[in-house]
Protein backbone atom coordinates (compact mmCIF):
# COMPACT_ATOMS: atom_id res chain seq x y z
CA LYS A 1 69.45 -30.45 -12.76
CA TRP A 2 69.69 -34.05 -11.60
CA THR A 3 73.03 -34.46 -13.40
CA HIS A 4 74.30 -31.54 -11.34
CA ARG A 5 72.90 -33.09 -8.16
CA VAL A 6 74.60 -36.44 -8.81
CA ALA A 7 77.89 -34.71 -9.68
CA SER A 8 77.67 -32.65 -6.47
CA PHE A 9 77.14 -35.82 -4.44
CA PHE A 10 80.37 -37.36 -5.73
CA THR A 11 82.42 -34.15 -5.57
CA GLY A 12 81.14 -32.97 -2.21
CA GLY A 13 79.39 -29.96 -3.76
CA ALA A 14 79.51 -26.40 -2.52
CA SER A 15 79.55 -25.59 1.19
CA ASP A 16 76.49 -24.03 2.84
CA GLU A 17 78.31 -20.71 3.05
CA ALA A 18 79.26 -20.85 -0.65
CA ARG A 19 75.63 -21.60 -1.56
CA ARG A 20 74.41 -18.67 0.53
CA ARG A 21 76.80 -16.40 -1.34
CA LYS A 22 75.46 -17.73 -4.63
CA VAL A 23 71.89 -17.07 -3.48
CA ASP A 24 72.85 -13.47 -2.69
CA GLU A 25 74.55 -13.10 -6.07
CA TYR A 26 71.58 -14.65 -7.88
CA ILE A 27 69.14 -12.17 -6.31
CA ALA A 28 71.49 -9.27 -7.09
CA MET A 29 71.81 -10.49 -10.68
CA SER A 30 68.01 -10.49 -11.02
CA GLY A 31 67.98 -6.81 -10.06
CA SER A 32 70.71 -6.06 -12.61
CA ILE A 33 68.76 -7.95 -15.29
CA ARG A 34 65.59 -5.92 -14.60
CA GLU A 35 67.58 -2.70 -14.95
CA ALA A 36 69.29 -3.91 -18.14
CA GLN A 37 65.95 -5.04 -19.59
CA GLY A 38 64.49 -1.62 -18.88
CA ARG A 39 67.36 0.12 -20.68
CA TYR A 40 67.01 -2.24 -23.63
CA ASP A 41 63.22 -1.81 -23.88
CA ARG A 42 63.54 1.99 -23.81
CA ALA A 43 66.21 1.87 -26.50
CA VAL A 44 64.11 -0.40 -28.73
CA ALA A 45 61.18 2.00 -28.40
CA ASP A 46 63.36 4.93 -29.52
CA PRO A 47 63.19 5.27 -33.34
CA ALA A 48 66.49 7.15 -33.28
CA ALA A 49 68.37 4.43 -31.38
CA ASP A 50 71.78 3.47 -32.73
CA ALA A 51 72.02 -0.15 -33.94
CA ASP A 52 75.44 -0.68 -32.32
CA ALA A 53 74.18 0.67 -29.01
CA LEU A 54 71.18 -1.66 -29.19
CA GLN A 55 73.47 -4.61 -29.81
CA GLU A 56 75.63 -3.68 -26.82
CA LEU A 57 72.56 -3.53 -24.59
CA GLU A 58 71.34 -6.89 -25.90
CA ASP A 59 74.78 -8.45 -25.36
CA GLU A 60 74.83 -7.13 -21.80
CA LEU A 61 71.41 -8.63 -21.13
CA VAL A 62 72.48 -12.01 -22.51
CA ARG A 63 75.67 -11.95 -20.43
CA LEU A 64 73.78 -11.19 -17.22
CA LYS A 65 71.20 -13.91 -17.88
CA ASN A 66 73.90 -16.47 -18.65
CA ARG A 67 75.69 -15.63 -15.41
CA ARG A 68 72.48 -15.96 -13.41
CA ARG A 69 71.70 -19.26 -15.13
CA SER A 70 75.11 -20.60 -14.12
CA LEU A 71 74.18 -20.07 -10.46
CA ARG A 72 70.73 -21.64 -10.75
CA ASN A 73 71.40 -25.26 -9.73
CA ASP A 74 73.21 -24.39 -6.49
CA VAL A 75 70.64 -21.72 -5.62
CA GLU A 76 67.74 -24.10 -6.16
CA GLU A 77 69.35 -26.76 -3.97
CA ALA A 78 70.07 -24.27 -1.18
CA LEU A 79 66.51 -22.96 -1.14
CA GLU A 80 64.98 -26.43 -1.50
CA ALA A 81 66.94 -27.50 1.60
CA ALA A 82 65.75 -24.44 3.54
CA ILE A 83 62.10 -24.99 2.61
CA SER A 84 62.36 -28.72 3.39
CA ALA A 85 63.78 -28.00 6.84
CA THR A 86 60.95 -25.58 7.61
CA LEU A 87 58.28 -28.03 6.43
CA ARG A 88 59.78 -30.72 8.66
CA ASP A 89 59.80 -28.31 11.61
CA GLN A 90 56.10 -27.63 10.98
CA GLY A 91 55.29 -31.33 10.52
CA ILE A 92 53.94 -30.78 7.00
CA GLY A 93 54.34 -33.61 4.49
CA THR A 94 56.57 -35.74 6.70
CA PHE A 95 56.57 -39.53 6.65
CA GLY A 96 59.11 -40.46 9.29
CA PRO A 97 62.42 -39.01 8.10
CA LEU A 98 61.06 -38.46 4.57
CA LEU A 99 59.33 -35.45 3.07
CA TRP A 100 56.80 -36.29 0.36
CA PRO A 101 56.89 -35.14 -2.27
CA PRO A 102 60.47 -33.85 -2.11
CA VAL A 103 60.77 -30.09 -2.57
CA ASP A 104 61.94 -29.72 -6.15
CA PHE A 105 61.51 -26.59 -8.24
CA ARG A 106 63.02 -24.94 -11.29
CA LEU A 107 63.80 -21.23 -11.47
CA GLU A 108 62.53 -20.37 -14.93
CA SER A 109 60.22 -17.99 -16.76
CA PRO A 110 56.79 -19.64 -16.38
CA PRO A 111 54.18 -19.49 -19.15
CA ARG A 112 51.42 -16.90 -19.24
CA ILE A 113 47.77 -17.76 -18.68
CA LEU A 114 44.53 -16.75 -20.41
CA ILE A 115 41.45 -16.71 -18.15
CA THR A 116 37.89 -16.27 -19.39
CA SER A 117 34.71 -15.32 -17.52
CA PRO A 118 31.08 -14.44 -18.34
CA ARG A 119 30.54 -10.69 -18.61
CA ASP A 120 27.57 -10.58 -16.21
CA ARG A 121 29.24 -12.30 -13.26
CA ILE A 122 32.68 -13.25 -11.96
CA GLU A 123 33.19 -16.93 -12.75
CA ARG A 124 36.35 -18.61 -13.98
CA LEU A 125 35.30 -20.54 -17.09
CA GLU A 126 38.56 -21.64 -18.65
CA SER A 127 42.29 -21.29 -18.08
CA VAL A 128 44.68 -21.77 -21.00
CA LEU A 129 48.46 -21.69 -20.73
CA LEU A 130 50.22 -19.49 -23.28
CA ASP A 131 53.81 -19.26 -24.43
CA MET A 132 55.84 -16.95 -22.21
CA SER A 133 56.92 -14.93 -25.28
CA VAL A 134 53.37 -13.55 -25.78
CA THR A 135 53.66 -9.75 -25.79
CA ALA A 136 51.41 -7.16 -24.17
CA LEU A 137 50.08 -6.25 -27.63
CA ASP A 138 49.34 -9.92 -28.41
CA SER A 139 47.50 -10.18 -25.09
CA GLU A 140 45.34 -7.12 -25.77
CA GLU A 141 44.44 -8.39 -29.25
CA LEU A 142 43.53 -11.83 -27.88
CA GLU A 143 41.36 -10.37 -25.11
CA ALA A 144 39.56 -8.11 -27.61
CA ARG A 145 38.97 -10.98 -30.06
CA ILE A 146 37.45 -13.20 -27.36
CA LEU A 147 35.18 -10.35 -26.28
CA ASP A 148 34.09 -9.71 -29.87
CA GLN A 149 33.68 -13.32 -31.02
CA GLN A 150 32.52 -15.08 -27.83
CA ASP A 151 31.11 -12.23 -25.72
CA LEU A 152 33.34 -13.28 -22.82
CA SER A 153 35.61 -11.29 -20.57
CA ALA A 154 39.22 -12.40 -20.94
CA ILE A 155 42.53 -11.46 -19.37
CA VAL A 156 46.10 -12.62 -19.96
CA LEU A 157 48.23 -12.71 -16.83
CA GLY A 158 51.78 -13.57 -15.92
CA LEU A 159 52.28 -16.53 -13.59
CA GLY A 160 54.57 -16.47 -10.58
CA GLY A 161 54.72 -20.25 -10.52
CA LEU A 162 53.21 -23.41 -11.94
CA ALA A 163 52.47 -26.66 -10.10
CA THR A 164 54.11 -29.07 -12.50
CA TYR A 165 56.72 -31.35 -10.97
CA PRO A 166 59.35 -30.10 -10.54
CA THR A 167 57.38 -26.92 -10.04
CA PHE A 168 58.10 -23.76 -11.99
CA VAL A 169 59.00 -20.68 -9.95
CA ALA A 170 59.56 -17.28 -11.58
CA ASP A 171 63.28 -16.65 -11.87
CA ASP A 172 63.07 -12.86 -11.45
CA ALA A 173 61.40 -12.67 -8.02
CA ASP A 174 63.18 -11.44 -4.91
CA LEU A 175 64.31 -13.94 -2.27
CA LEU A 176 61.14 -13.79 -0.19
CA GLY A 177 59.05 -14.09 -3.35
CA ILE A 178 60.95 -17.19 -4.50
CA LEU A 179 60.57 -18.89 -1.11
CA ASP A 180 56.87 -17.98 -0.95
CA LEU A 181 56.15 -19.23 -4.47
CA ALA A 182 58.20 -22.41 -4.11
CA ALA A 183 56.43 -23.38 -0.87
CA HIS A 184 53.04 -22.46 -2.39
CA GLU A 185 53.60 -24.63 -5.47
CA TRP A 186 55.03 -27.48 -3.36
CA LEU A 187 51.79 -27.60 -1.39
CA HIS A 188 49.83 -28.07 -4.60
CA ALA A 189 52.05 -31.10 -5.33
CA TYR A 190 51.50 -32.35 -1.77
CA LEU A 191 47.71 -31.93 -2.01
CA PHE A 192 47.68 -33.90 -5.26
CA PHE A 193 47.92 -37.03 -3.06
CA HIS A 194 44.96 -35.99 -0.90
CA PRO A 195 41.22 -35.49 -1.55
CA LEU A 196 41.45 -31.69 -1.31
CA GLY A 197 43.98 -31.47 -4.13
CA GLN A 198 42.34 -34.20 -6.19
CA GLY A 199 39.11 -32.20 -6.14
CA PHE A 200 40.80 -29.01 -7.36
CA ASN A 201 38.88 -28.83 -10.64
CA SER A 202 35.52 -29.95 -9.26
CA SER A 203 34.31 -26.45 -8.43
CA ALA A 204 35.36 -22.82 -8.05
CA GLU A 205 35.05 -23.22 -4.27
CA MET A 206 37.54 -26.12 -4.27
CA GLN A 207 39.98 -24.05 -6.32
CA THR A 208 39.63 -21.22 -3.81
CA LEU A 209 40.26 -23.60 -0.89
CA ASN A 210 43.37 -25.05 -2.55
CA GLU A 211 44.81 -21.65 -3.45
CA THR A 212 44.05 -20.17 -0.03
CA ILE A 213 45.77 -22.92 1.94
CA SER A 214 48.73 -22.78 -0.47
CA ASN A 215 48.98 -19.03 0.16
CA VAL A 216 48.96 -19.63 3.91
CA VAL A 217 51.71 -22.25 3.71
CA GLY A 218 53.72 -20.03 1.34
């Protein structure tokens, strides 16, 4: 990503209009990928599916994902610039002409998360990140095993984003969803430098406060 950014600096990069077109194409490609994934999943579930037809569907899915990936760097930079401009307009995170931390996110498939709770009350005990390749069947088996062995409620969820730095933002969301998630995760990075964010893990109430204000900013 940073190699692309440096190269763009020396070559002049794409114009704003060209980047907007790439954003539109990226979002359209995400819709095409969802449709192609649906066709592929239905074909895989069909015991009578033809092997050659399955391969064609898989090849189509790979081609679409590769094309979307080729647009990713320019799309990220365009949306980062838009979010940064809005934050400056709102006076959030500004230090003179600088915005801290810089808005920087990666459009990628984020990991999944396992959350556990006591069975007699709603309380978030533990959150564990899981590989994004974990299937629905794997998730059900894991939830059942935790219930049986530890007498805890458990659920495996997909994440829309993750507040690493650069932050992870789900690559298959629509445009509004990407902007919302990117701004939400950026605020977590911003709060890391302030008492509210530093106290995130001190209590369930602090987690709720952090997530609520991030939702508002998103």
